[in-house]
């Protein structure tokens, strides 16, 4: 009986589960260089974004952001290196 109830719960959820509205990407960058460095990022129509760069020495710097439920843009910057590890700012 428990197994049947579990199966019914999964079956009634539907094949795709919850859905979300796709957000158009307005700008996109994706550069990979021969020395192992790269830059990638995007800006979306809902105000969210991300940009990240890895330098030839292996250090990484980036930031991402989004518009919160109050309409305020939130931005988080970070860096990483073999000496310091991950460092959110």
PDB file of N, CA and C in Angstrom:
ATOM      1  N   UNK A   1       0.829  -1.202   0.000  1.00  0.00           N
ATOM      2  CA  UNK A   1       0.000   0.000   0.000  1.00  0.00           C
ATOM      3  C   UNK A   1       0.872   1.265   0.000  1.00  0.00           C
ATOM      4  N   UNK A   2       1.934   1.257   0.815  1.00  0.00           N
ATOM      5  CA  UNK A   2       2.828   2.416   0.861  1.00  0.00           C
ATOM      6  C   UNK A   2       3.532   2.597  -0.480  1.00  0.00           C
ATOM      7  N   UNK A   3       3.945   1.503  -1.071  1.00  0.00           N
ATOM      8  CA  UNK A   3       4.607   1.566  -2.370  1.00  0.00           C
ATOM      9  C   UNK A   3       3.670   2.128  -3.434  1.00  0.00           C
ATOM     10  N   UNK A   4       2.420   1.727  -3.403  1.00  0.00           N
ATOM     11  CA  UNK A   4       1.430   2.245  -4.360  1.00  0.00           C
ATOM     12  C   UNK A   4       1.211   3.737  -4.161  1.00  0.00           C
ATOM     13  N   UNK A   5       1.167   4.184  -2.908  1.00  0.00           N
ATOM     14  CA  UNK A   5       0.977   5.603  -2.625  1.00  0.00           C
ATOM     15  C   UNK A   5       2.169   6.416  -3.121  1.00  0.00           C
ATOM     16  N   UNK A   6       3.373   5.896  -2.929  1.00  0.00           N
ATOM     17  CA  UNK A   6       4.574   6.591  -3.403  1.00  0.00           C
ATOM     18  C   UNK A   6       4.570   6.674  -4.927  1.00  0.00           C
ATOM     19  N   UNK A   7       4.220   5.592  -5.595  1.00  0.00           N
ATOM     20  CA  UNK A   7       4.168   5.587  -7.050  1.00  0.00           C
ATOM     21  C   UNK A   7       3.135   6.590  -7.548  1.00  0.00           C
ATOM     22  N   UNK A   8       1.967   6.630  -6.902  1.00  0.00           N
ATOM     23  CA  UNK A   8       0.903   7.546  -7.295  1.00  0.00           C
ATOM     24  C   UNK A   8       1.349   8.998  -7.135  1.00  0.00           C
ATOM     25  N   UNK A   9       2.067   9.299  -6.062  1.00  0.00           N
ATOM     26  CA  UNK A   9       2.548  10.664  -5.845  1.00  0.00           C
ATOM     27  C   UNK A   9       3.512  11.088  -6.948  1.00  0.00           C
ATOM     28  N   UNK A  10       4.401  10.216  -7.335  1.00  0.00           N
ATOM     29  CA  UNK A  10       5.349  10.519  -8.410  1.00  0.00           C
ATOM     30  C   UNK A  10       4.621  10.639  -9.739  1.00  0.00           C
ATOM     31  N   UNK A  11       3.706   9.743 -10.022  1.00  0.00           N
ATOM     32  CA  UNK A  11       2.969   9.745 -11.278  1.00  0.00           C
ATOM     33  C   UNK A  11       2.126  11.008 -11.427  1.00  0.00           C
ATOM     34  N   UNK A  12       1.485  11.449 -10.360  1.00  0.00           N
ATOM     35  CA  UNK A  12       0.604  12.618 -10.429  1.00  0.00           C
ATOM     36  C   UNK A  12       1.381  13.924 -10.578  1.00  0.00           C
ATOM     37  N   UNK A  13       2.670  13.897 -10.243  1.00  0.00           N
ATOM     38  CA  UNK A  13       3.484  15.100 -10.378  1.00  0.00           C
ATOM     39  C   UNK A  13       3.672  15.460 -11.845  1.00  0.00           C
ATOM     40  N   UNK A  14       3.575  14.511 -12.714  1.00  0.00           N
ATOM     41  CA  UNK A  14       3.740  14.770 -14.138  1.00  0.00           C
ATOM     42  C   UNK A  14       5.155  14.461 -14.581  1.00  0.00           C
ATOM     43  N   UNK A  15       5.346  14.366 -15.898  1.00  0.00           N
ATOM     44  CA  UNK A  15       6.652  13.963 -16.414  1.00  0.00           C
ATOM     45  C   UNK A  15       7.738  15.025 -16.280  1.00  0.00           C
ATOM     46  N   UNK A  16       7.365  16.286 -16.236  1.00  0.00           N
ATOM     47  CA  UNK A  16       8.368  17.348 -16.211  1.00  0.00           C
ATOM     48  C   UNK A  16       8.522  18.013 -14.857  1.00  0.00           C
ATOM     49  N   UNK A  17       7.688  17.709 -13.900  1.00  0.00           N
ATOM     50  CA  UNK A  17       7.777  18.362 -12.596  1.00  0.00           C
ATOM     51  C   UNK A  17       7.408  19.829 -12.719  1.00  0.00           C
ATOM     52  N   UNK A  18       7.883  20.641 -11.778  1.00  0.00           N
ATOM     53  CA  UNK A  18       7.565  22.070 -11.804  1.00  0.00           C
ATOM     54  C   UNK A  18       8.180  22.747 -13.032  1.00  0.00           C
ATOM     55  N   UNK A  19       7.524  23.785 -13.511  1.00  0.00           N
ATOM     56  CA  UNK A  19       8.039  24.502 -14.675  1.00  0.00           C
ATOM     57  C   UNK A  19       8.375  25.936 -14.296  1.00  0.00           C
ATOM     58  N   UNK A  20       9.276  26.534 -15.038  1.00  0.00           N
ATOM     59  CA  UNK A  20       9.626  27.934 -14.869  1.00  0.00           C
ATOM     60  C   UNK A  20       9.590  28.593 -16.239  1.00  0.00           C
ATOM     61  N   UNK A  21       9.500  29.898 -16.234  1.00  0.00           N
ATOM     62  CA  UNK A  21       9.499  30.648 -17.480  1.00  0.00           C
ATOM     63  C   UNK A  21      10.940  30.895 -17.907  1.00  0.00           C
ATOM     64  N   UNK A  22      11.310  30.540 -19.129  1.00  0.00           N
ATOM     65  CA  UNK A  22      12.673  30.805 -19.595  1.00  0.00           C
ATOM     66  C   UNK A  22      12.965  32.305 -19.617  1.00  0.00           C
ATOM     67  N   UNK A  23      14.187  32.670 -19.266  1.00  0.00           N
ATOM     68  CA  UNK A  23      14.613  34.069 -19.265  1.00  0.00           C
ATOM     69  C   UNK A  23      15.572  34.269 -20.439  1.00  0.00           C
ATOM     70  N   UNK A  24      15.270  35.199 -21.334  1.00  0.00           N
ATOM     71  CA  UNK A  24      16.156  35.433 -22.477  1.00  0.00           C
ATOM     72  C   UNK A  24      17.534  35.945 -22.043  1.00  0.00           C
ATOM     73  N   UNK A  25      18.568  35.469 -22.718  1.00  0.00           N
ATOM     74  CA  UNK A  25      19.929  35.949 -22.509  1.00  0.00           C
ATOM     75  C   UNK A  25      20.160  37.102 -23.485  1.00  0.00           C
ATOM     76  N   UNK A  26      20.521  38.274 -22.948  1.00  0.00           N
ATOM     77  CA  UNK A  26      20.712  39.461 -23.778  1.00  0.00           C
ATOM     78  C   UNK A  26      22.130  39.565 -24.322  1.00  0.00           C
ATOM     79  N   UNK A  27      23.109  39.210 -23.495  1.00  0.00           N
ATOM     80  CA  UNK A  27      24.517  39.258 -23.890  1.00  0.00           C
ATOM     81  C   UNK A  27      25.197  38.007 -23.366  1.00  0.00           C
ATOM     82  N   UNK A  28      26.182  37.534 -24.117  1.00  0.00           N
ATOM     83  CA  UNK A  28      26.921  36.351 -23.687  1.00  0.00           C
ATOM     84  C   UNK A  28      28.352  36.452 -24.193  1.00  0.00           C
ATOM     85  N   UNK A  29      29.295  36.001 -23.369  1.00  0.00           N
ATOM     86  CA  UNK A  29      30.699  35.966 -23.759  1.00  0.00           C
ATOM     87  C   UNK A  29      31.265  34.614 -23.343  1.00  0.00           C
ATOM     88  N   UNK A  30      32.113  34.056 -24.190  1.00  0.00           N
ATOM     89  CA  UNK A  30      32.768  32.787 -23.879  1.00  0.00           C
ATOM     90  C   UNK A  30      34.070  32.738 -24.672  1.00  0.00           C
ATOM     91  N   UNK A  31      35.161  33.084 -24.006  1.00  0.00           N
ATOM     92  CA  UNK A  31      36.480  33.090 -24.650  1.00  0.00           C
ATOM     93  C   UNK A  31      37.401  32.135 -23.911  1.00  0.00           C
ATOM     94  N   UNK A  32      37.998  31.218 -24.633  1.00  0.00           N
ATOM     95  CA  UNK A  32      38.985  30.301 -24.069  1.00  0.00           C
ATOM     96  C   UNK A  32      40.277  30.491 -24.845  1.00  0.00           C
ATOM     97  N   UNK A  33      41.357  30.693 -24.116  1.00  0.00           N
ATOM     98  CA  UNK A  33      42.642  30.997 -24.735  1.00  0.00           C
ATOM     99  C   UNK A  33      43.605  29.812 -24.643  1.00  0.00           C
ATOM    100  N   UNK A  34      44.599  29.809 -25.511  1.00  0.00           N
ATOM    101  CA  UNK A  34      45.575  28.717 -25.561  1.00  0.00           C
ATOM    102  C   UNK A  34      46.371  28.572 -24.269  1.00  0.00           C
ATOM    103  N   UNK A  35      46.538  29.664 -23.506  1.00  0.00           N
ATOM    104  CA  UNK A  35      47.316  29.608 -22.268  1.00  0.00           C
ATOM    105  C   UNK A  35      46.508  29.105 -21.068  1.00  0.00           C
ATOM    106  N   UNK A  36      45.267  28.673 -21.298  1.00  0.00           N
ATOM    107  CA  UNK A  36      44.420  28.163 -20.219  1.00  0.00           C
ATOM    108  C   UNK A  36      43.534  29.216 -19.582  1.00  0.00           C
ATOM    109  N   UNK A  37      43.744  30.469 -19.934  1.00  0.00           N
ATOM    110  CA  UNK A  37      42.897  31.528 -19.391  1.00  0.00           C
ATOM    111  C   UNK A  37      41.555  31.535 -20.125  1.00  0.00           C
ATOM    112  N   UNK A  38      40.564  32.148 -19.482  1.00  0.00           N
ATOM    113  CA  UNK A  38      39.244  32.238 -20.110  1.00  0.00           C
ATOM    114  C   UNK A  38      38.462  33.402 -19.520  1.00  0.00           C
ATOM    115  N   UNK A  39      37.437  33.788 -20.215  1.00  0.00           N
ATOM    116  CA  UNK A  39      36.426  34.729 -19.731  1.00  0.00           C
ATOM    117  C   UNK A  39      35.083  34.233 -20.222  1.00  0.00           C
ATOM    118  N   UNK A  40      34.122  34.210 -19.326  1.00  0.00           N
ATOM    119  CA  UNK A  40      32.764  33.880 -19.758  1.00  0.00           C
ATOM    120  C   UNK A  40      31.774  34.650 -18.911  1.00  0.00           C
ATOM    121  N   UNK A  41      30.598  34.820 -19.454  1.00  0.00           N
ATOM    122  CA  UNK A  41      29.572  35.517 -18.705  1.00  0.00           C
ATOM    123  C   UNK A  41      28.316  35.711 -19.523  1.00  0.00           C
ATOM    124  N   UNK A  42      27.328  36.254 -18.846  1.00  0.00           N
ATOM    125  CA  UNK A  42      26.053  36.526 -19.507  1.00  0.00           C
ATOM    126  C   UNK A  42      25.324  37.643 -18.776  1.00  0.00           C
ATOM    127  N   UNK A  43      24.380  38.238 -19.460  1.00  0.00           N
ATOM    128  CA  UNK A  43      23.428  39.179 -18.880  1.00  0.00           C
ATOM    129  C   UNK A  43      22.052  38.744 -19.357  1.00  0.00           C
ATOM    130  N   UNK A  44      21.124  38.559 -18.427  1.00  0.00           N
ATOM    131  CA  UNK A  44      19.789  38.072 -18.763  1.00  0.00           C
ATOM    132  C   UNK A  44      18.752  39.190 -18.658  1.00  0.00           C
ATOM    133  N   UNK A  45      17.614  38.974 -19.286  1.00  0.00           N
ATOM    134  CA  UNK A  45      16.540  39.973 -19.327  1.00  0.00           C
ATOM    135  C   UNK A  45      15.950  40.275 -17.955  1.00  0.00           C
ATOM    136  N   UNK A  46      16.100  39.361 -16.994  1.00  0.00           N
ATOM    137  CA  UNK A  46      15.562  39.599 -15.651  1.00  0.00           C
ATOM    138  C   UNK A  46      16.529  40.359 -14.752  1.00  0.00           C
ATOM    139  N   UNK A  47      17.662  40.809 -15.311  1.00  0.00           N
ATOM    140  CA  UNK A  47      18.637  41.570 -14.541  1.00  0.00           C
ATOM    141  C   UNK A  47      19.741  40.729 -13.925  1.00  0.00           C
ATOM    142  N   UNK A  48      19.654  39.418 -14.035  1.00  0.00           N
ATOM    143  CA  UNK A  48      20.719  38.573 -13.496  1.00  0.00           C
ATOM    144  C   UNK A  48      21.915  38.582 -14.450  1.00  0.00           C
ATOM    145  N   UNK A  49      23.103  38.351 -13.885  1.00  0.00           N
ATOM    146  CA  UNK A  49      24.314  38.352 -14.698  1.00  0.00           C
ATOM    147  C   UNK A  49      25.413  37.567 -14.000  1.00  0.00           C
ATOM    148  N   UNK A  50      26.434  37.218 -14.761  1.00  0.00           N
ATOM    149  CA  UNK A  50      27.648  36.605 -14.233  1.00  0.00           C
ATOM    150  C   UNK A  50      28.774  36.887 -15.203  1.00  0.00           C
ATOM    151  N   UNK A  51      29.951  37.151 -14.649  1.00  0.00           N
ATOM    152  CA  UNK A  51      31.169  37.286 -15.440  1.00  0.00           C
ATOM    153  C   UNK A  51      32.300  36.661 -14.634  1.00  0.00           C
ATOM    154  N   UNK A  52      33.134  35.870 -15.289  1.00  0.00           N
ATOM    155  CA  UNK A  52      34.266  35.240 -14.610  1.00  0.00           C
ATOM    156  C   UNK A  52      35.452  35.208 -15.552  1.00  0.00           C
ATOM    157  N   UNK A  53      36.634  35.469 -14.994  1.00  0.00           N
ATOM    158  CA  UNK A  53      37.878  35.442 -15.748  1.00  0.00           C
ATOM    159  C   UNK A  53      38.901  34.597 -15.005  1.00  0.00           C
ATOM    160  N   UNK A  54      39.551  33.714 -15.725  1.00  0.00           N
ATOM    161  CA  UNK A  54      40.695  32.977 -15.190  1.00  0.00           C
ATOM    162  C   UNK A  54      41.922  33.499 -15.917  1.00  0.00           C
ATOM    163  N   UNK A  55      42.908  33.914 -15.145  1.00  0.00           N
ATOM    164  CA  UNK A  55      44.129  34.484 -15.697  1.00  0.00           C
ATOM    165  C   UNK A  55      45.161  33.387 -15.974  1.00  0.00           C
ATOM    166  N   UNK A  56      46.169  33.673 -16.796  1.00  0.00           N
ATOM    167  CA  UNK A  56      47.183  32.656 -17.112  1.00  0.00           C
ATOM    168  C   UNK A  56      47.884  32.074 -15.881  1.00  0.00           C
ATOM    169  N   UNK A  57      47.987  32.837 -14.792  1.00  0.00           N
ATOM    170  CA  UNK A  57      48.631  32.328 -13.575  1.00  0.00           C
ATOM    171  C   UNK A  57      47.705  31.440 -12.741  1.00  0.00           C
ATOM    172  N   UNK A  58      46.456  31.265 -13.179  1.00  0.00           N
ATOM    173  CA  UNK A  58      45.513  30.400 -12.479  1.00  0.00           C
ATOM    174  C   UNK A  58      44.546  31.123 -11.566  1.00  0.00           C
ATOM    175  N   UNK A  59      44.805  32.396 -11.259  1.00  0.00           N
ATOM    176  CA  UNK A  59      43.876  33.156 -10.426  1.00  0.00           C
ATOM    177  C   UNK A  59      42.550  33.342 -11.164  1.00  0.00           C
ATOM    178  N   UNK A  60      41.478  33.373 -10.386  1.00  0.00           N
ATOM    179  CA  UNK A  60      40.133  33.549 -10.936  1.00  0.00           C
ATOM    180  C   UNK A  60      39.477  34.727 -10.233  1.00  0.00           C
ATOM    181  N   UNK A  61      38.769  35.550 -10.977  1.00  0.00           N
ATOM    182  CA  UNK A  61      37.991  36.654 -10.422  1.00  0.00           C
ATOM    183  C   UNK A  61      36.652  36.692 -11.135  1.00  0.00           C
ATOM    184  N   UNK A  62      35.624  37.036 -10.383  1.00  0.00           N
ATOM    185  CA  UNK A  62      34.319  37.114 -11.012  1.00  0.00           C
ATOM    186  C   UNK A  62      33.301  37.804 -10.141  1.00  0.00           C
ATOM    187  N   UNK A  63      32.134  37.961 -10.692  1.00  0.00           N
ATOM    188  CA  UNK A  63      31.004  38.492  -9.933  1.00  0.00           C
ATOM    189  C   UNK A  63      29.723  38.023 -10.592  1.00  0.00           C
ATOM    190  N   UNK A  64      28.682  37.982  -9.791  1.00  0.00           N
ATOM    191  CA  UNK A  64      27.362  37.647 -10.307  1.00  0.00           C
ATOM    192  C   UNK A  64      26.344  38.477  -9.556  1.00  0.00           C
ATOM    193  N   UNK A  65      25.161  38.587 -10.123  1.00  0.00           N
ATOM    194  CA  UNK A  65      24.145  39.396  -9.485  1.00  0.00           C
ATOM    195  C   UNK A  65      22.754  39.045  -9.973  1.00  0.00           C
ATOM    196  N   UNK A  66      21.796  39.581  -9.253  1.00  0.00           N
ATOM    197  CA  UNK A  66      20.390  39.351  -9.567  1.00  0.00           C
ATOM    198  C   UNK A  66      19.571  40.469  -8.944  1.00  0.00           C
ATOM    199  N   UNK A  67      18.344  40.600  -9.361  1.00  0.00           N
ATOM    200  CA  UNK A  67      17.415  41.574  -8.793  1.00  0.00           C
ATOM    201  C   UNK A  67      16.555  40.834  -7.783  1.00  0.00           C
ATOM    202  N   UNK A  68      16.580  41.305  -6.516  1.00  0.00           N
ATOM    203  CA  UNK A  68      15.827  40.608  -5.470  1.00  0.00           C
ATOM    204  C   UNK A  68      14.334  40.938  -5.537  1.00  0.00           C
ATOM    205  N   UNK A  69      13.573  40.365  -4.618  1.00  0.00           N
ATOM    206  CA  UNK A  69      12.110  40.529  -4.636  1.00  0.00           C
ATOM    207  C   UNK A  69      11.662  41.965  -4.384  1.00  0.00           C
ATOM    208  N   UNK A  70      12.574  42.825  -3.863  1.00  0.00           N
ATOM    209  CA  UNK A  70      12.254  44.233  -3.637  1.00  0.00           C
ATOM    210  C   UNK A  70      12.734  45.136  -4.770  1.00  0.00           C
ATOM    211  N   UNK A  71      13.273  44.538  -5.829  1.00  0.00           N
ATOM    212  CA  UNK A  71      13.734  45.307  -6.971  1.00  0.00           C
ATOM    213  C   UNK A  71      15.154  45.834  -6.837  1.00  0.00           C
ATOM    214  N   UNK A  72      15.864  45.423  -5.786  1.00  0.00           N
ATOM    215  CA  UNK A  72      17.237  45.872  -5.564  1.00  0.00           C
ATOM    216  C   UNK A  72      18.216  44.892  -6.209  1.00  0.00           C
ATOM    217  N   UNK A  73      19.204  45.441  -6.922  1.00  0.00           N
ATOM    218  CA  UNK A  73      20.225  44.593  -7.529  1.00  0.00           C
ATOM    219  C   UNK A  73      21.219  44.148  -6.467  1.00  0.00           C
ATOM    220  N   UNK A  74      21.410  42.862  -6.372  1.00  0.00           N
ATOM    221  CA  UNK A  74      22.382  42.262  -5.444  1.00  0.00           C
ATOM    222  C   UNK A  74      23.571  41.791  -6.266  1.00  0.00           C
ATOM    223  N   UNK A  75      24.774  42.128  -5.824  1.00  0.00           N
ATOM    224  CA  UNK A  75      25.985  41.761  -6.555  1.00  0.00           C
ATOM    225  C   UNK A  75      26.987  41.129  -5.603  1.00  0.00           C
ATOM    226  N   UNK A  76      27.555  40.019  -5.993  1.00  0.00           N
ATOM    227  CA  UNK A  76      28.529  39.294  -5.192  1.00  0.00           C
ATOM    228  C   UNK A  76      29.790  39.132  -6.033  1.00  0.00           C
ATOM    229  N   UNK A  77      30.916  39.591  -5.507  1.00  0.00           N
ATOM    230  CA  UNK A  77      32.207  39.439  -6.173  1.00  0.00           C
ATOM    231  C   UNK A  77      33.002  38.355  -5.475  1.00  0.00           C
ATOM    232  N   UNK A  78      33.897  37.711  -6.198  1.00  0.00           N
ATOM    233  CA  UNK A  78      34.719  36.657  -5.612  1.00  0.00           C
ATOM    234  C   UNK A  78      36.039  36.546  -6.354  1.00  0.00           C
ATOM    235  N   UNK A  79      36.961  35.883  -5.718  1.00  0.00           N
ATOM    236  CA  UNK A  79      38.249  35.592  -6.319  1.00  0.00           C
ATOM    237  C   UNK A  79      38.736  34.258  -5.797  1.00  0.00           C
ATOM    238  N   UNK A  80      39.699  33.685  -6.465  1.00  0.00           N
ATOM    239  CA  UNK A  80      40.291  32.422  -6.022  1.00  0.00           C
ATOM    240  C   UNK A  80      41.711  32.338  -6.561  1.00  0.00           C
ATOM    241  N   UNK A  81      42.584  31.777  -5.727  1.00  0.00           N
ATOM    242  CA  UNK A  81      43.964  31.542  -6.151  1.00  0.00           C
ATOM    243  C   UNK A  81      44.500  30.331  -5.408  1.00  0.00           C
ATOM    244  N   UNK A  82      45.593  29.787  -5.891  1.00  0.00           N
ATOM    245  CA  UNK A  82      46.185  28.623  -5.225  1.00  0.00           C
ATOM    246  C   UNK A  82      46.763  29.005  -3.866  1.00  0.00           C
ATOM    247  N   UNK A  83      47.137  30.260  -3.672  1.00  0.00           N
ATOM    248  CA  UNK A  83      47.689  30.699  -2.391  1.00  0.00           C
ATOM    249  C   UNK A  83      46.604  31.028  -1.362  1.00  0.00           C
ATOM    250  N   UNK A  84      45.522  31.641  -1.788  1.00  0.00           N
ATOM    251  CA  UNK A  84      44.503  32.129  -0.856  1.00  0.00           C
ATOM    252  C   UNK A  84      43.227  31.302  -0.852  1.00  0.00           C
ATOM    253  N   UNK A  85      43.017  30.478  -1.861  1.00  0.00           N
ATOM    254  CA  UNK A  85      41.769  29.732  -1.964  1.00  0.00           C
ATOM    255  C   UNK A  85      40.644  30.633  -2.433  1.00  0.00           C
ATOM    256  N   UNK A  86      39.414  30.236  -2.143  1.00  0.00           N
ATOM    257  CA  UNK A  86      38.230  30.989  -2.564  1.00  0.00           C
ATOM    258  C   UNK A  86      37.996  32.146  -1.607  1.00  0.00           C
ATOM    259  N   UNK A  87      37.750  33.335  -2.152  1.00  0.00           N
ATOM    260  CA  UNK A  87      37.531  34.526  -1.334  1.00  0.00           C
ATOM    261  C   UNK A  87      36.320  35.308  -1.828  1.00  0.00           C
ATOM    262  N   UNK A  88      35.165  35.143  -1.181  1.00  0.00           N
ATOM    263  CA  UNK A  88      34.033  36.014  -1.528  1.00  0.00           C
ATOM    264  C   UNK A  88      34.301  37.410  -0.981  1.00  0.00           C
ATOM    265  N   UNK A  89      33.846  38.412  -1.684  1.00  0.00           N
ATOM    266  CA  UNK A  89      34.058  39.794  -1.226  1.00  0.00           C
ATOM    267  C   UNK A  89      32.772  40.393  -0.734  1.00  0.00           C
TER     268      UNK A  89
END
